[in-house]
Amino acid sequence: MLNHPDDDGDLAPAQCAAMLPRLEAIVDERLRVADDPVLQRRIDDTRQLIDVMTYCVDKGVPLDFC
């Protein structure tokens, strides 16, 4: 999802901000059917990504995936 060869391995704060609403919506949608442990782990991973992206947006720093 986030590995794009044309982005040099990072996302600018504006790109993170643009992705956050959709990621939050995905978490909200999946929480309703999160009785599967694998799905619950993915939801937890997504929440952690949201936290990191929010931090990057708040601090105005890129998110580096290198």
N, C-alpha and C. Protein backbone atom coordinates (compact mmCIF):
# COMPACT_ATOMS: atom_id res chain seq x y z
N MET A 1 0.82 -1.20 0.00
CA MET A 1 0.00 0.00 0.00
C MET A 1 0.86 1.26 0.00
N LEU A 2 1.94 1.25 0.78
CA LEU A 2 2.72 2.46 0.90
C LEU A 2 4.07 2.40 0.19
N ASN A 3 4.39 1.31 -0.43
CA ASN A 3 5.67 1.16 -1.12
C ASN A 3 5.50 1.52 -2.59
N HIS A 4 5.89 2.72 -2.92
CA HIS A 4 5.79 3.19 -4.30
C HIS A 4 7.20 3.54 -4.79
N PRO A 5 7.65 2.98 -5.91
CA PRO A 5 9.01 3.22 -6.37
C PRO A 5 9.28 4.68 -6.71
N ASP A 6 8.26 5.47 -6.94
CA ASP A 6 8.46 6.85 -7.35
C ASP A 6 8.45 7.84 -6.19
N ASP A 7 8.34 7.38 -4.95
CA ASP A 7 8.26 8.32 -3.83
C ASP A 7 9.53 8.37 -2.97
N ASP A 8 10.59 7.73 -3.41
CA ASP A 8 11.87 7.74 -2.70
C ASP A 8 11.78 7.21 -1.28
N GLY A 9 10.76 6.43 -0.96
CA GLY A 9 10.67 5.80 0.34
C GLY A 9 10.12 6.65 1.45
N ASP A 10 9.53 7.80 1.13
CA ASP A 10 8.94 8.60 2.19
C ASP A 10 7.66 9.26 1.72
N LEU A 11 6.90 9.74 2.68
CA LEU A 11 5.67 10.46 2.40
C LEU A 11 5.77 11.84 3.06
N ALA A 12 5.44 12.87 2.32
CA ALA A 12 5.42 14.22 2.86
C ALA A 12 4.26 14.35 3.85
N PRO A 13 4.35 15.30 4.76
CA PRO A 13 3.26 15.50 5.71
C PRO A 13 1.89 15.67 5.03
N ALA A 14 1.87 16.37 3.91
CA ALA A 14 0.60 16.56 3.19
C ALA A 14 0.05 15.24 2.67
N GLN A 15 0.93 14.35 2.22
CA GLN A 15 0.49 13.04 1.76
C GLN A 15 -0.06 12.21 2.92
N CYS A 16 0.60 12.29 4.07
CA CYS A 16 0.11 11.59 5.26
C CYS A 16 -1.26 12.12 5.65
N ALA A 17 -1.39 13.43 5.66
CA ALA A 17 -2.67 14.05 6.04
C ALA A 17 -3.78 13.62 5.09
N ALA A 18 -3.47 13.49 3.82
CA ALA A 18 -4.48 13.08 2.84
C ALA A 18 -4.92 11.63 3.05
N MET A 19 -4.03 10.79 3.56
CA MET A 19 -4.34 9.37 3.75
C MET A 19 -5.06 9.08 5.06
N LEU A 20 -4.88 9.93 6.05
CA LEU A 20 -5.42 9.66 7.39
C LEU A 20 -6.92 9.43 7.43
N PRO A 21 -7.74 10.26 6.79
CA PRO A 21 -9.19 10.01 6.88
C PRO A 21 -9.60 8.63 6.37
N ARG A 22 -8.99 8.18 5.30
CA ARG A 22 -9.34 6.86 4.75
C ARG A 22 -8.87 5.74 5.68
N LEU A 23 -7.68 5.87 6.22
CA LEU A 23 -7.20 4.85 7.15
C LEU A 23 -8.10 4.77 8.38
N GLU A 24 -8.51 5.93 8.89
CA GLU A 24 -9.41 5.94 10.05
C GLU A 24 -10.76 5.31 9.70
N ALA A 25 -11.25 5.57 8.50
CA ALA A 25 -12.51 4.97 8.06
C ALA A 25 -12.38 3.45 7.94
N ILE A 26 -11.26 2.98 7.45
CA ILE A 26 -11.03 1.54 7.33
C ILE A 26 -11.07 0.90 8.71
N VAL A 27 -10.39 1.51 9.68
CA VAL A 27 -10.39 0.97 11.04
C VAL A 27 -11.82 0.93 11.58
N ASP A 28 -12.56 2.03 11.41
CA ASP A 28 -13.94 2.07 11.90
C ASP A 28 -14.80 0.99 11.27
N GLU A 29 -14.65 0.78 9.96
CA GLU A 29 -15.43 -0.25 9.26
C GLU A 29 -15.10 -1.64 9.77
N ARG A 30 -13.82 -1.91 9.94
CA ARG A 30 -13.37 -3.25 10.32
C ARG A 30 -13.65 -3.59 11.78
N LEU A 31 -13.72 -2.58 12.63
CA LEU A 31 -13.98 -2.85 14.05
C LEU A 31 -15.32 -3.56 14.26
N ARG A 32 -16.24 -3.34 13.37
CA ARG A 32 -17.56 -3.96 13.49
C ARG A 32 -17.53 -5.46 13.26
N VAL A 33 -16.50 -5.95 12.58
CA VAL A 33 -16.40 -7.39 12.27
C VAL A 33 -15.06 -7.95 12.72
N ALA A 34 -14.50 -7.40 13.78
CA ALA A 34 -13.14 -7.73 14.18
C ALA A 34 -13.04 -8.94 15.11
N ASP A 35 -13.88 -9.93 14.91
CA ASP A 35 -13.80 -11.12 15.76
C ASP A 35 -12.70 -12.08 15.31
N ASP A 36 -12.10 -11.85 14.16
CA ASP A 36 -11.00 -12.65 13.64
C ASP A 36 -9.68 -12.10 14.20
N PRO A 37 -8.85 -12.95 14.85
CA PRO A 37 -7.60 -12.46 15.43
C PRO A 37 -6.63 -11.85 14.41
N VAL A 38 -6.61 -12.39 13.20
CA VAL A 38 -5.73 -11.83 12.17
C VAL A 38 -6.21 -10.44 11.78
N LEU A 39 -7.49 -10.28 11.60
CA LEU A 39 -8.05 -8.97 11.28
C LEU A 39 -7.80 -7.99 12.42
N GLN A 40 -7.94 -8.45 13.65
CA GLN A 40 -7.69 -7.57 14.79
C GLN A 40 -6.24 -7.08 14.80
N ARG A 41 -5.32 -7.96 14.43
CA ARG A 41 -3.90 -7.56 14.37
C ARG A 41 -3.69 -6.50 13.29
N ARG A 42 -4.35 -6.67 12.16
CA ARG A 42 -4.24 -5.67 11.08
C ARG A 42 -4.82 -4.33 11.52
N ILE A 43 -5.91 -4.37 12.26
CA ILE A 43 -6.50 -3.15 12.78
C ILE A 43 -5.52 -2.46 13.73
N ASP A 44 -4.89 -3.24 14.60
CA ASP A 44 -3.90 -2.69 15.53
C ASP A 44 -2.72 -2.07 14.77
N ASP A 45 -2.25 -2.75 13.73
CA ASP A 45 -1.16 -2.22 12.91
C ASP A 45 -1.56 -0.91 12.25
N THR A 46 -2.78 -0.86 11.75
CA THR A 46 -3.27 0.35 11.10
C THR A 46 -3.38 1.49 12.09
N ARG A 47 -3.82 1.20 13.30
CA ARG A 47 -3.88 2.25 14.34
C ARG A 47 -2.48 2.79 14.64
N GLN A 48 -1.50 1.91 14.70
CA GLN A 48 -0.14 2.38 14.94
C GLN A 48 0.35 3.26 13.80
N LEU A 49 0.04 2.87 12.58
CA LEU A 49 0.41 3.68 11.42
C LEU A 49 -0.28 5.04 11.49
N ILE A 50 -1.54 5.07 11.88
CA ILE A 50 -2.27 6.33 12.02
C ILE A 50 -1.57 7.23 13.05
N ASP A 51 -1.16 6.64 14.16
CA ASP A 51 -0.46 7.42 15.20
C ASP A 51 0.83 8.03 14.65
N VAL A 52 1.61 7.24 13.93
CA VAL A 52 2.87 7.74 13.37
C VAL A 52 2.60 8.81 12.32
N MET A 53 1.65 8.58 11.46
CA MET A 53 1.34 9.56 10.42
C MET A 53 0.83 10.86 11.03
N THR A 54 0.03 10.76 12.07
CA THR A 54 -0.48 11.95 12.76
C THR A 54 0.68 12.74 13.37
N TYR A 55 1.61 12.04 13.96
CA TYR A 55 2.80 12.69 14.52
C TYR A 55 3.56 13.43 13.43
N CYS A 56 3.78 12.78 12.29
CA CYS A 56 4.49 13.41 11.18
C CYS A 56 3.77 14.66 10.69
N VAL A 57 2.46 14.59 10.60
CA VAL A 57 1.68 15.74 10.17
C VAL A 57 1.81 16.87 11.19
N ASP A 58 1.66 16.53 12.47
CA ASP A 58 1.74 17.54 13.52
C ASP A 58 3.10 18.22 13.59
N LYS A 59 4.17 17.46 13.37
CA LYS A 59 5.54 17.99 13.44
C LYS A 59 6.04 18.53 12.11
N GLY A 60 5.29 18.25 11.02
CA GLY A 60 5.68 18.73 9.70
C GLY A 60 6.92 18.03 9.15
N VAL A 61 7.05 16.74 9.48
CA VAL A 61 8.20 15.97 9.00
C VAL A 61 7.72 14.83 8.11
N PRO A 62 8.54 14.43 7.12
CA PRO A 62 8.16 13.31 6.27
C PRO A 62 8.22 11.99 7.02
N LEU A 63 7.44 11.05 6.55
CA LEU A 63 7.45 9.68 7.07
C LEU A 63 8.38 8.87 6.17
N ASP A 64 9.47 8.39 6.73
CA ASP A 64 10.50 7.70 5.97
C ASP A 64 10.32 6.19 6.07
N PHE A 65 10.27 5.50 4.94
CA PHE A 65 10.08 4.06 4.90
C PHE A 65 11.36 3.31 4.52
N CYS A 66 12.49 3.99 4.52
CA CYS A 66 13.75 3.32 4.14
C CYS A 66 14.24 2.38 5.19
